[in-house]
N, C-alpha and C. Protein backbone atom coordinates (compact mmCIF):
# COMPACT_ATOMS: atom_id res chain seq x y z
N MET A 1 -11.39 13.30 -25.99
CA MET A 1 -12.16 12.45 -24.91
C MET A 1 -11.05 11.26 -24.41
N ALA A 2 -11.05 11.22 -23.19
CA ALA A 2 -10.19 10.39 -22.52
C ALA A 2 -10.57 8.94 -22.73
N SER A 3 -9.57 8.09 -22.67
CA SER A 3 -9.99 6.64 -22.95
C SER A 3 -10.40 5.98 -21.73
N LYS A 4 -11.25 4.98 -21.92
CA LYS A 4 -11.82 4.19 -20.83
C LYS A 4 -10.55 3.56 -19.95
N PRO A 5 -10.45 3.52 -18.92
CA PRO A 5 -9.31 2.89 -17.94
C PRO A 5 -9.62 1.37 -18.06
N ASN A 6 -8.46 0.71 -18.19
CA ASN A 6 -8.54 -0.70 -18.38
C ASN A 6 -8.52 -1.30 -16.80
N LEU A 7 -9.77 -1.66 -16.54
CA LEU A 7 -10.16 -2.29 -15.36
C LEU A 7 -10.59 -3.57 -15.40
N ASP A 8 -10.08 -4.51 -14.46
CA ASP A 8 -10.55 -5.82 -14.51
C ASP A 8 -11.57 -5.99 -13.34
N LYS A 9 -12.24 -7.22 -13.25
CA LYS A 9 -13.39 -7.44 -12.34
C LYS A 9 -12.85 -7.14 -10.94
N LEU A 10 -11.61 -7.62 -10.66
CA LEU A 10 -11.16 -7.43 -9.24
C LEU A 10 -10.98 -5.73 -9.13
N ASP A 11 -10.55 -5.00 -9.97
CA ASP A 11 -10.64 -3.60 -9.76
C ASP A 11 -11.96 -3.05 -9.35
N LEU A 12 -12.98 -3.56 -10.24
CA LEU A 12 -14.24 -3.11 -9.89
C LEU A 12 -14.91 -3.58 -8.64
N GLN A 13 -14.52 -4.79 -8.42
CA GLN A 13 -14.86 -5.23 -6.97
C GLN A 13 -14.46 -4.45 -5.83
N ILE A 14 -13.10 -4.27 -5.91
CA ILE A 14 -12.37 -3.37 -4.92
C ILE A 14 -13.14 -1.98 -4.76
N ILE A 15 -13.29 -1.27 -5.95
CA ILE A 15 -13.96 0.14 -6.07
C ILE A 15 -15.35 0.04 -5.26
N GLN A 16 -16.18 -0.98 -5.65
CA GLN A 16 -17.58 -1.06 -5.27
C GLN A 16 -17.43 -1.42 -3.80
N HIS A 17 -16.59 -2.29 -3.21
CA HIS A 17 -16.58 -2.52 -1.82
C HIS A 17 -16.21 -1.34 -1.23
N MET A 18 -15.14 -0.78 -1.45
CA MET A 18 -14.59 0.50 -0.78
C MET A 18 -15.54 1.67 -0.86
N MET A 19 -16.32 1.75 -1.88
CA MET A 19 -17.38 2.90 -1.77
C MET A 19 -18.29 2.63 -0.83
N GLU A 20 -18.65 1.33 -0.42
CA GLU A 20 -19.67 1.02 0.50
C GLU A 20 -19.07 0.88 1.83
N SER A 21 -17.70 0.74 2.05
CA SER A 21 -17.07 0.56 3.32
C SER A 21 -15.66 0.58 3.39
N ALA A 22 -15.15 1.87 3.29
CA ALA A 22 -13.80 2.28 3.07
C ALA A 22 -12.75 1.77 4.15
N GLU A 23 -13.40 1.57 5.29
CA GLU A 23 -12.68 1.17 6.52
C GLU A 23 -12.35 -0.25 6.60
N THR A 24 -12.65 -0.99 5.58
CA THR A 24 -12.19 -2.39 5.50
C THR A 24 -10.61 -2.49 5.24
N SER A 25 -9.99 -3.41 5.91
CA SER A 25 -8.52 -3.62 5.79
C SER A 25 -8.26 -4.31 4.40
N TYR A 26 -6.96 -3.99 3.93
CA TYR A 26 -6.57 -4.69 2.74
C TYR A 26 -6.52 -6.14 2.93
N ALA A 27 -6.36 -6.67 4.12
CA ALA A 27 -6.27 -8.16 4.50
C ALA A 27 -7.62 -8.71 4.39
N GLU A 28 -8.67 -7.91 4.94
CA GLU A 28 -9.91 -8.46 4.84
C GLU A 28 -10.36 -8.39 3.39
N LEU A 29 -10.26 -7.36 2.65
CA LEU A 29 -10.58 -7.32 1.29
C LEU A 29 -9.95 -8.56 0.47
N GLY A 30 -8.74 -8.81 0.79
CA GLY A 30 -7.94 -9.95 0.19
C GLY A 30 -8.72 -11.22 0.36
N LYS A 31 -9.10 -11.63 1.58
CA LYS A 31 -9.71 -12.79 1.94
C LYS A 31 -11.08 -12.94 1.19
N LYS A 32 -11.74 -11.62 0.98
CA LYS A 32 -13.01 -11.72 0.45
C LYS A 32 -12.96 -11.93 -1.02
N PHE A 33 -11.87 -11.39 -1.55
CA PHE A 33 -11.66 -11.62 -3.07
C PHE A 33 -10.65 -12.69 -3.40
N PHE A 34 -10.29 -13.57 -2.33
CA PHE A 34 -9.42 -14.59 -2.48
C PHE A 34 -8.10 -14.19 -3.24
N VAL A 35 -7.37 -12.97 -2.73
CA VAL A 35 -6.12 -12.51 -3.29
C VAL A 35 -5.55 -12.02 -2.01
N SER A 36 -4.19 -11.85 -2.12
CA SER A 36 -3.52 -11.32 -0.77
C SER A 36 -3.78 -9.87 -0.54
N GLY A 37 -3.50 -9.42 0.63
CA GLY A 37 -3.72 -8.18 1.05
C GLY A 37 -2.73 -7.23 0.23
N GLY A 38 -1.57 -7.76 -0.03
CA GLY A 38 -0.67 -6.94 -0.91
C GLY A 38 -1.11 -6.70 -2.32
N THR A 39 -1.87 -7.77 -3.05
CA THR A 39 -2.44 -7.46 -4.28
C THR A 39 -3.54 -6.30 -4.03
N ILE A 40 -4.33 -6.24 -2.99
CA ILE A 40 -5.23 -5.33 -2.82
C ILE A 40 -4.62 -4.04 -2.70
N HIS A 41 -3.44 -3.96 -2.03
CA HIS A 41 -2.63 -2.66 -1.92
C HIS A 41 -2.08 -2.09 -3.18
N VAL A 42 -1.65 -2.89 -3.94
CA VAL A 42 -1.13 -2.63 -5.24
C VAL A 42 -2.25 -2.15 -6.14
N ARG A 43 -3.41 -2.82 -6.28
CA ARG A 43 -4.50 -2.36 -7.03
C ARG A 43 -5.00 -0.89 -6.54
N ILE A 44 -5.20 -0.83 -5.27
CA ILE A 44 -5.57 0.50 -4.66
C ILE A 44 -4.87 1.62 -5.34
N LYS A 45 -3.35 1.43 -5.01
CA LYS A 45 -2.35 2.36 -5.41
C LYS A 45 -2.46 2.51 -6.72
N LYS A 46 -2.61 1.61 -7.67
CA LYS A 46 -2.95 1.94 -9.17
C LYS A 46 -4.14 2.62 -9.37
N LEU A 47 -5.26 2.42 -8.69
CA LEU A 47 -6.48 3.24 -8.87
C LEU A 47 -6.30 4.61 -8.52
N GLN A 48 -5.39 4.73 -7.45
CA GLN A 48 -5.21 6.11 -6.89
C GLN A 48 -4.25 6.76 -8.08
N GLU A 49 -3.21 6.28 -8.75
CA GLU A 49 -2.51 6.81 -9.73
C GLU A 49 -3.33 7.13 -11.00
N MET A 50 -4.37 6.40 -11.26
CA MET A 50 -5.11 6.60 -12.43
C MET A 50 -6.20 7.58 -12.19
N GLY A 51 -6.20 8.20 -10.88
CA GLY A 51 -6.99 9.29 -10.70
C GLY A 51 -8.62 8.59 -10.42
N ILE A 52 -8.75 7.35 -10.33
CA ILE A 52 -10.12 6.82 -10.03
C ILE A 52 -10.44 6.88 -8.63
N ALA A 53 -9.53 6.38 -7.79
CA ALA A 53 -9.61 6.51 -6.25
C ALA A 53 -9.04 7.84 -5.81
N LYS A 54 -9.92 8.51 -5.09
CA LYS A 54 -9.39 9.85 -4.72
C LYS A 54 -9.38 10.05 -3.21
N GLY A 55 -8.57 9.14 -2.47
CA GLY A 55 -8.53 9.23 -1.16
C GLY A 55 -9.94 8.72 -0.45
N THR A 56 -9.93 8.82 0.97
CA THR A 56 -11.00 8.38 1.57
C THR A 56 -11.64 9.50 2.46
N ARG A 57 -12.95 9.33 2.56
CA ARG A 57 -13.76 10.45 3.24
C ARG A 57 -14.57 9.72 4.37
N LEU A 58 -14.78 10.48 5.23
CA LEU A 58 -15.59 10.08 6.46
C LEU A 58 -16.98 10.60 5.95
N ALA A 59 -17.96 9.91 5.88
CA ALA A 59 -19.47 10.12 5.69
C ALA A 59 -19.92 10.84 7.10
N VAL A 60 -20.44 12.22 6.96
CA VAL A 60 -20.90 12.69 8.25
C VAL A 60 -22.12 13.33 8.22
N ASP A 61 -23.17 13.22 9.01
CA ASP A 61 -24.50 13.94 8.98
C ASP A 61 -24.22 15.31 9.42
N THR A 62 -24.09 16.19 8.45
CA THR A 62 -23.80 17.55 8.91
C THR A 62 -24.99 18.31 9.78
N ARG A 63 -26.17 17.77 9.66
CA ARG A 63 -27.16 18.16 10.71
C ARG A 63 -26.86 17.97 12.01
N GLU A 64 -26.21 16.67 12.26
CA GLU A 64 -25.97 16.40 13.77
C GLU A 64 -24.90 17.27 14.12
N LEU A 65 -24.05 17.75 13.17
CA LEU A 65 -22.94 18.77 13.76
C LEU A 65 -23.47 20.18 13.64
N GLY A 66 -24.71 20.63 13.64
CA GLY A 66 -25.20 21.78 13.63
C GLY A 66 -25.25 22.49 12.37
N TYR A 67 -25.09 21.74 11.34
CA TYR A 67 -25.30 22.44 9.96
C TYR A 67 -26.61 22.09 9.45
N ASP A 68 -27.62 23.11 9.62
CA ASP A 68 -28.93 22.84 9.53
C ASP A 68 -29.47 23.21 8.16
N VAL A 69 -28.90 24.04 7.44
CA VAL A 69 -29.12 24.38 6.18
C VAL A 69 -28.48 24.06 5.02
N ILE A 70 -29.06 23.29 4.13
CA ILE A 70 -28.56 22.92 2.81
C ILE A 70 -29.35 23.66 1.65
N ALA A 71 -28.49 24.38 0.82
CA ALA A 71 -29.16 24.97 -0.14
C ALA A 71 -28.39 24.74 -1.56
N PHE A 72 -29.21 24.86 -2.63
CA PHE A 72 -28.73 24.68 -3.93
C PHE A 72 -28.85 25.96 -4.63
N LEU A 73 -27.73 26.25 -5.36
CA LEU A 73 -27.64 27.56 -5.93
C LEU A 73 -27.41 27.39 -7.62
N GLY A 74 -28.36 27.98 -8.44
CA GLY A 74 -28.27 28.05 -9.75
C GLY A 74 -27.54 29.39 -10.00
N ILE A 75 -26.51 29.31 -10.71
CA ILE A 75 -25.77 30.67 -11.10
C ILE A 75 -25.76 30.88 -12.43
N TYR A 76 -26.20 32.13 -12.98
CA TYR A 76 -26.07 32.56 -14.08
C TYR A 76 -24.84 33.62 -14.33
N LEU A 77 -24.01 33.15 -15.38
CA LEU A 77 -22.74 33.92 -15.66
C LEU A 77 -23.11 35.16 -16.72
N GLU A 78 -22.34 36.12 -16.56
CA GLU A 78 -22.36 37.10 -17.74
C GLU A 78 -22.00 36.59 -18.93
N LYS A 79 -21.07 35.77 -19.05
CA LYS A 79 -20.55 35.18 -20.23
C LYS A 79 -19.97 33.71 -19.67
N SER A 80 -20.21 32.55 -20.50
CA SER A 80 -19.66 31.46 -20.19
C SER A 80 -18.22 31.30 -20.12
N SER A 81 -17.36 32.11 -20.93
CA SER A 81 -16.18 32.13 -20.77
C SER A 81 -15.56 32.54 -19.42
N LEU A 82 -16.37 33.11 -18.52
CA LEU A 82 -15.95 33.53 -17.15
C LEU A 82 -16.07 32.20 -16.29
N TYR A 83 -16.43 30.97 -16.60
CA TYR A 83 -16.60 29.84 -15.78
C TYR A 83 -15.27 29.61 -14.92
N ASP A 84 -14.14 29.55 -15.49
CA ASP A 84 -12.95 29.11 -14.60
C ASP A 84 -12.71 30.07 -13.75
N SER A 85 -12.73 31.42 -13.98
CA SER A 85 -12.27 32.43 -12.84
C SER A 85 -13.43 32.58 -11.84
N VAL A 86 -14.73 32.38 -12.16
CA VAL A 86 -15.79 32.23 -11.10
C VAL A 86 -15.51 31.04 -10.30
N ALA A 87 -15.26 29.80 -10.90
CA ALA A 87 -15.36 28.81 -10.10
C ALA A 87 -14.01 28.91 -9.09
N ARG A 88 -12.91 29.45 -9.52
CA ARG A 88 -11.68 29.75 -8.56
C ARG A 88 -12.19 30.44 -7.44
N GLU A 89 -13.14 31.60 -7.83
CA GLU A 89 -13.49 32.41 -6.60
C GLU A 89 -14.48 31.77 -5.63
N LEU A 90 -15.43 30.82 -6.22
CA LEU A 90 -16.33 30.05 -5.55
C LEU A 90 -15.65 29.03 -4.60
N MET A 91 -14.44 28.47 -5.09
CA MET A 91 -13.85 27.51 -4.36
C MET A 91 -13.14 28.18 -3.02
N LYS A 92 -13.09 29.40 -2.94
CA LYS A 92 -12.59 30.07 -1.73
C LYS A 92 -13.86 30.14 -0.71
N ILE A 93 -14.97 29.87 -1.00
CA ILE A 93 -15.92 30.01 -0.01
C ILE A 93 -16.25 28.55 0.54
N PRO A 94 -15.77 28.29 1.73
CA PRO A 94 -16.02 26.85 2.37
C PRO A 94 -17.32 26.26 2.46
N GLU A 95 -18.27 27.16 2.52
CA GLU A 95 -19.65 26.87 2.72
C GLU A 95 -20.29 25.99 1.46
N ILE A 96 -19.56 26.35 0.20
CA ILE A 96 -19.90 25.82 -0.93
C ILE A 96 -18.99 24.38 -1.01
N VAL A 97 -19.89 23.19 -0.95
CA VAL A 97 -19.15 21.88 -0.76
C VAL A 97 -19.23 21.21 -2.24
N ARG A 98 -20.02 21.61 -3.35
CA ARG A 98 -20.07 21.03 -4.52
C ARG A 98 -20.38 22.25 -5.67
N LEU A 99 -19.69 21.96 -6.78
CA LEU A 99 -19.95 22.98 -7.79
C LEU A 99 -19.91 22.20 -9.08
N ASN A 100 -20.97 22.45 -9.98
CA ASN A 100 -20.92 21.67 -11.29
C ASN A 100 -21.02 22.94 -12.39
N TYR A 101 -20.48 22.65 -13.58
CA TYR A 101 -20.69 23.38 -14.74
C TYR A 101 -21.75 22.68 -15.39
N THR A 102 -22.91 23.44 -15.74
CA THR A 102 -24.08 22.71 -16.35
C THR A 102 -24.76 23.28 -17.61
N THR A 103 -25.41 22.49 -18.17
CA THR A 103 -26.36 22.85 -19.28
C THR A 103 -27.58 23.40 -18.81
N GLY A 104 -28.60 23.88 -19.70
CA GLY A 104 -29.78 24.19 -19.19
C GLY A 104 -29.97 25.66 -18.67
N ASN A 105 -30.75 25.97 -17.67
CA ASN A 105 -31.10 27.44 -17.40
C ASN A 105 -29.80 28.09 -16.63
N TYR A 106 -28.87 27.16 -15.85
CA TYR A 106 -27.93 27.91 -15.09
C TYR A 106 -26.59 27.43 -15.92
N SER A 107 -25.59 28.28 -15.63
CA SER A 107 -24.34 28.04 -16.03
C SER A 107 -23.51 27.09 -15.09
N MET A 108 -23.97 27.33 -13.69
CA MET A 108 -23.36 26.54 -12.91
C MET A 108 -24.49 26.27 -11.67
N PHE A 109 -24.09 25.16 -10.95
CA PHE A 109 -24.92 24.80 -9.87
C PHE A 109 -24.11 24.38 -8.65
N ALA A 110 -24.41 24.88 -7.64
CA ALA A 110 -23.78 24.70 -6.37
C ALA A 110 -24.33 24.28 -5.36
N GLU A 111 -23.77 23.53 -4.46
CA GLU A 111 -24.47 22.99 -3.01
C GLU A 111 -23.69 23.77 -2.04
N ILE A 112 -24.52 24.39 -1.11
CA ILE A 112 -24.02 25.05 0.02
C ILE A 112 -24.55 24.52 1.40
N VAL A 113 -23.81 24.49 2.26
CA VAL A 113 -23.98 23.89 3.65
C VAL A 113 -23.81 24.84 4.80
N THR A 114 -24.76 25.40 5.36
CA THR A 114 -24.57 26.40 6.57
C THR A 114 -25.16 25.99 7.64
N LYS A 115 -24.74 26.57 8.76
CA LYS A 115 -25.32 26.28 10.23
C LYS A 115 -26.71 26.78 10.25
N ASP A 116 -26.89 28.01 9.57
CA ASP A 116 -28.31 28.58 9.83
C ASP A 116 -28.36 29.60 8.54
N ILE A 117 -29.74 30.07 8.50
CA ILE A 117 -30.18 31.13 7.50
C ILE A 117 -29.27 32.40 7.55
N ARG A 118 -28.86 32.89 8.70
CA ARG A 118 -28.03 33.91 8.62
C ARG A 118 -26.61 33.73 8.00
N GLN A 119 -25.99 32.62 8.15
CA GLN A 119 -24.84 32.35 7.45
C GLN A 119 -25.11 32.17 5.90
N LEU A 120 -26.33 31.52 5.57
CA LEU A 120 -26.51 31.38 4.19
C LEU A 120 -26.56 32.59 3.72
N ARG A 121 -27.42 33.59 4.27
CA ARG A 121 -27.42 35.10 3.55
C ARG A 121 -26.13 35.64 3.58
N ASN A 122 -25.14 35.41 4.56
CA ASN A 122 -23.74 35.99 4.54
C ASN A 122 -23.10 35.48 3.23
N VAL A 123 -23.29 34.12 2.87
CA VAL A 123 -22.76 33.61 1.78
C VAL A 123 -23.29 34.29 0.46
N LEU A 124 -24.55 34.21 0.26
CA LEU A 124 -25.32 34.82 -0.93
C LEU A 124 -25.21 36.31 -1.09
N HIS A 125 -25.33 37.04 0.08
CA HIS A 125 -25.24 38.53 -0.20
C HIS A 125 -23.81 39.11 0.08
N ASP A 126 -23.10 38.58 1.01
CA ASP A 126 -21.79 39.25 1.26
C ASP A 126 -20.66 38.65 0.48
N GLN A 127 -20.64 37.42 0.01
CA GLN A 127 -19.64 36.73 -0.60
C GLN A 127 -19.93 36.67 -2.07
N LEU A 128 -20.94 35.96 -2.58
CA LEU A 128 -21.25 35.84 -3.93
C LEU A 128 -21.41 37.19 -4.79
N GLN A 129 -21.92 38.24 -4.01
CA GLN A 129 -22.02 39.37 -4.76
C GLN A 129 -20.90 40.05 -5.27
N LYS A 130 -19.65 39.79 -4.45
CA LYS A 130 -18.43 40.54 -4.82
C LYS A 130 -17.84 39.69 -5.98
N ILE A 131 -18.30 38.58 -6.56
CA ILE A 131 -17.66 37.75 -7.49
C ILE A 131 -17.94 38.33 -8.96
N LYS A 132 -16.81 38.73 -9.72
CA LYS A 132 -17.01 39.39 -10.93
C LYS A 132 -17.49 38.29 -11.96
N GLY A 133 -18.45 38.37 -12.76
CA GLY A 133 -18.84 37.43 -13.67
C GLY A 133 -20.15 36.79 -13.38
N ILE A 134 -20.59 37.03 -12.16
CA ILE A 134 -21.86 36.28 -11.65
C ILE A 134 -23.06 37.26 -11.99
N GLU A 135 -23.95 37.00 -12.88
CA GLU A 135 -24.98 37.88 -13.39
C GLU A 135 -26.19 37.92 -12.44
N ARG A 136 -26.61 36.74 -11.91
CA ARG A 136 -27.56 36.54 -10.78
C ARG A 136 -27.71 35.18 -10.46
N THR A 137 -28.18 34.87 -9.37
CA THR A 137 -28.42 33.57 -8.81
C THR A 137 -29.85 33.21 -8.54
N GLU A 138 -30.17 31.85 -8.34
CA GLU A 138 -31.31 31.49 -7.80
C GLU A 138 -31.09 30.38 -6.77
N THR A 139 -31.85 30.42 -5.70
CA THR A 139 -31.44 29.81 -4.47
C THR A 139 -32.65 28.72 -4.13
N PHE A 140 -32.21 27.57 -4.08
CA PHE A 140 -33.31 26.42 -3.56
C PHE A 140 -32.84 25.83 -2.07
N ILE A 141 -33.75 25.96 -1.11
CA ILE A 141 -33.34 25.23 0.29
C ILE A 141 -34.03 24.14 0.12
N SER A 142 -33.05 23.16 0.70
CA SER A 142 -33.58 21.71 0.78
C SER A 142 -34.33 21.55 2.04
N LEU A 143 -35.35 20.94 2.09
CA LEU A 143 -36.10 20.77 3.21
C LEU A 143 -35.77 19.37 3.81
N GLU A 144 -35.30 18.41 3.02
CA GLU A 144 -34.79 16.82 3.44
C GLU A 144 -34.14 16.30 2.41
N GLU A 145 -33.19 15.65 2.67
CA GLU A 145 -32.41 14.74 1.82
C GLU A 145 -32.95 13.25 2.00
N SER A 146 -33.58 12.89 1.00
CA SER A 146 -34.27 11.63 1.03
C SER A 146 -33.14 10.43 0.89
N PHE A 147 -32.13 10.56 0.19
CA PHE A 147 -31.16 9.54 0.07
C PHE A 147 -29.92 10.11 -0.67
N SER A 148 -28.72 9.59 -0.33
CA SER A 148 -27.49 9.84 -1.19
C SER A 148 -26.75 8.63 -1.25
N ARG A 149 -26.41 8.17 -2.40
CA ARG A 149 -25.60 6.84 -2.77
C ARG A 149 -24.59 7.04 -3.70
N ASN A 150 -23.86 6.08 -3.79
CA ASN A 150 -22.70 5.93 -4.91
C ASN A 150 -23.30 5.17 -6.13
N ILE A 151 -22.79 5.27 -7.12
CA ILE A 151 -23.05 4.38 -8.32
C ILE A 151 -22.93 2.88 -8.02
N THR A 152 -23.33 1.95 -8.81
CA THR A 152 -22.99 0.71 -8.51
C THR A 152 -22.05 0.35 -9.78
N VAL A 153 -20.84 -0.04 -9.46
CA VAL A 153 -19.75 -0.49 -10.70
C VAL A 153 -19.78 -1.92 -11.13
N ILE A 154 -20.23 -2.60 -10.22
CA ILE A 154 -20.34 -4.05 -10.64
C ILE A 154 -21.45 -4.87 -9.90
N GLU A 155 -21.91 -5.84 -10.78
CA GLU A 155 -22.87 -6.53 -10.10
C GLU A 155 -22.32 -7.73 -9.39
N ASP A 156 -22.78 -8.27 -8.28
CA ASP A 156 -22.25 -9.52 -7.58
C ASP A 156 -22.85 -10.81 -8.13
């Protein structure tokens, strides 16, 4: 089991703030937390080297871009030992945006984002069916995403 990273209150404050608003400059963060912008830069670099901070992403409303279908896919594997090889194959399908190895009914659980049902059918029928090791799947179509949020790492 990996040891817990040694993070202080400033590290946690930086993480929390950047999860909420990643476009904030280091100088602005420094003012907010009463340290220099250089200190913020060094701390963020340290968080990246530790693998805690993994770049920055733009939050996009996929539906506004024409991606109208979000589906979740429960995947049953023939054998759990096939997880790594199946995961590598699933990573090649760009419509699969998230994949988890799970306990419970499914071996894997994936999130798929497509423009329409026809594209979803293509992923399910034409692409997934070719992957060796997948026994069967169960698909759930999302009717609405009520919310999506990050965890809270520090209380103010």
